C-alpha atoms as a PDB file:
ATOM      1  CA  MET A   1       0.000   0.000   0.000  1.00  0.00           C
ATOM      2  CA  LEU A   2       1.304   3.432  -0.928  1.00  0.00           C
ATOM      3  CA  ILE A   3       0.012   6.770   0.259  1.00  0.00           C
ATOM      4  CA  ALA A   4       1.444  10.255  -0.166  1.00  0.00           C
ATOM      5  CA  VAL A   5       0.550  12.858   2.460  1.00  0.00           C
ATOM      6  CA  GLU A   6       1.434  16.527   2.124  1.00  0.00           C
ATOM      7  CA  VAL A   7       0.965  19.235   4.700  1.00  0.00           C
ATOM      8  CA  VAL A   8       0.199  22.680   3.268  1.00  0.00           C
ATOM      9  CA  SER A   9       0.979  21.949  -0.341  1.00  0.00           C
ATOM     10  CA  ARG A  10       2.221  24.879  -2.381  1.00  0.00           C
ATOM     11  CA  ASP A  11       1.684  23.065  -5.631  1.00  0.00           C
ATOM     12  CA  ARG A  12      -1.812  21.663  -5.910  1.00  0.00           C
ATOM     13  CA  PHE A  13      -1.427  20.539  -9.537  1.00  0.00           C
ATOM     14  CA  GLU A  14       2.088  19.431 -10.475  1.00  0.00           C
ATOM     15  CA  GLU A  15       2.932  17.375  -7.396  1.00  0.00           C
ATOM     16  CA  PRO A  16      -0.316  15.349  -7.426  1.00  0.00           C
ATOM     17  CA  ALA A  17       0.197  14.746 -11.157  1.00  0.00           C
ATOM     18  CA  ASP A  18       3.714  13.450 -10.395  1.00  0.00           C
ATOM     19  CA  TYR A  19       2.324  11.064  -7.764  1.00  0.00           C
ATOM     20  CA  ALA A  20      -0.381   9.897 -10.169  1.00  0.00           C
ATOM     21  CA  ALA A  21       2.209   9.311 -12.904  1.00  0.00           C
ATOM     22  CA  VAL A  22       3.976   6.770 -10.686  1.00  0.00           C
ATOM     23  CA  ARG A  23       0.604   5.268  -9.707  1.00  0.00           C
ATOM     24  CA  ILE A  24       0.515   6.133  -5.993  1.00  0.00           C
ATOM     25  CA  PRO A  25      -3.083   5.099  -5.302  1.00  0.00           C
ATOM     26  CA  HIS A  26      -3.830   7.438  -2.391  1.00  0.00           C
ATOM     27  CA  TYR A  27      -2.952  11.087  -1.853  1.00  0.00           C
ATOM     28  CA  TRP A  28      -3.914  13.269   1.099  1.00  0.00           C
ATOM     29  CA  ARG A  29      -3.437  17.016   1.317  1.00  0.00           C
ATOM     30  CA  ILE A  30      -3.627  18.773   4.674  1.00  0.00           C
ATOM     31  CA  GLU A  31      -4.224  22.501   4.599  1.00  0.00           C
ATOM     32  CA  GLN A  32      -3.845  24.851   7.555  1.00  0.00           C
ATOM     33  CA  ASP A  33      -5.566  28.008   8.695  1.00  0.00           C
ATOM     34  CA  PRO A  34      -8.075  26.476   9.102  1.00  0.00           C
ATOM     35  CA  VAL A  35      -7.009  22.814   9.155  1.00  0.00           C
ATOM     36  CA  HIS A  36      -8.748  20.809   6.441  1.00  0.00           C
ATOM     37  CA  VAL A  37      -7.900  17.318   5.136  1.00  0.00           C
ATOM     38  CA  TYR A  38      -8.534  16.280   1.535  1.00  0.00           C
ATOM     39  CA  ALA A  39      -8.208  12.582   0.640  1.00  0.00           C
ATOM     40  CA  TYR A  40      -7.952  11.454  -2.980  1.00  0.00           C
ATOM     41  CA  GLU A  41      -7.946   8.058  -4.717  1.00  0.00           C
ATOM     42  CA  LEU A  42      -6.333   7.403  -8.070  1.00  0.00           C
ATOM     43  CA  GLY A  43      -8.998   6.783 -10.684  1.00  0.00           C
ATOM     44  CA  GLU A  44      -8.839   4.416 -13.631  1.00  0.00           C
ATOM     45  CA  ASP A  45      -8.104   7.389 -15.881  1.00  0.00           C
ATOM     46  CA  GLY A  46      -4.885   8.080 -13.941  1.00  0.00           C
ATOM     47  CA  THR A  47      -6.102  11.205 -12.145  1.00  0.00           C
ATOM     48  CA  TYR A  48      -7.024  11.714  -8.501  1.00  0.00           C
ATOM     49  CA  LYS A  49     -10.664  11.788  -7.468  1.00  0.00           C
ATOM     50  CA  LEU A  50     -11.784  13.325  -4.188  1.00  0.00           C
ATOM     51  CA  ALA A  51     -12.666  10.504  -1.793  1.00  0.00           C
ATOM     52  CA  ALA A  52     -13.342  12.629   1.302  1.00  0.00           C
ATOM     53  CA  ASP A  53     -12.655  16.007   2.799  1.00  0.00           C
ATOM     54  CA  SER A  54     -13.326  17.479   6.202  1.00  0.00           C
ATOM     55  CA  ASP A  55     -12.347  20.058   8.735  1.00  0.00           C
ATOM     56  CA  THR A  56     -13.919  18.119  11.636  1.00  0.00           C
ATOM     57  CA  GLU A  57     -13.610  14.359  11.112  1.00  0.00           C
ATOM     58  CA  LEU A  58     -12.122  12.365   8.257  1.00  0.00           C
ATOM     59  CA  VAL A  59     -13.757   8.976   7.713  1.00  0.00           C
ATOM     60  CA  LEU A  60     -12.325   6.546   5.140  1.00  0.00           C
ATOM     61  CA  GLU A  61     -12.280   2.842   4.389  1.00  0.00           C
ATOM     62  CA  GLN A  62      -9.382   2.995   1.894  1.00  0.00           C
ATOM     63  CA  PRO A  63      -6.381   2.683   1.968  1.00  0.00           C
ATOM     64  CA  PHE A  64      -7.257   1.615   5.526  1.00  0.00           C
ATOM     65  CA  GLU A  65     -10.194   2.122   7.810  1.00  0.00           C
ATOM     66  CA  ILE A  66      -9.796   5.392   9.694  1.00  0.00           C
ATOM     67  CA  ARG A  67     -11.910   7.813  11.687  1.00  0.00           C
ATOM     68  CA  LEU A  68      -9.672  10.807  12.382  1.00  0.00           C
ATOM     69  CA  SER A  69     -10.921  13.633  14.565  1.00  0.00           C
ATOM     70  CA  ILE A  70      -9.235  16.638  13.012  1.00  0.00           C
ATOM     71  CA  VAL A  71     -10.048  18.785  16.023  1.00  0.00           C
ATOM     72  CA  ASP A  72      -7.979  16.395  18.196  1.00  0.00           C
ATOM     73  CA  VAL A  73      -4.848  16.744  16.032  1.00  0.00           C
ATOM     74  CA  THR A  74      -5.102  20.486  15.491  1.00  0.00           C
ATOM     75  CA  PRO A  75      -2.622  22.441  17.614  1.00  0.00           C
END
């Protein structure tokens, strides 16, 4: 299982495209001010599709089952 996670990405287009080109199936982007988590899955067409996003609680089944309270990890 591969997952790429970026905190406060400056490049919201080129870097995800690079990850998709090498077929990393899951990509998460964490933004700050306010904290917000975006989770993407690689689609059959080779581009990322939004799987979930939240500023309170992230709930996913892939790449693993997770229920992450964003409020609890926010400084």
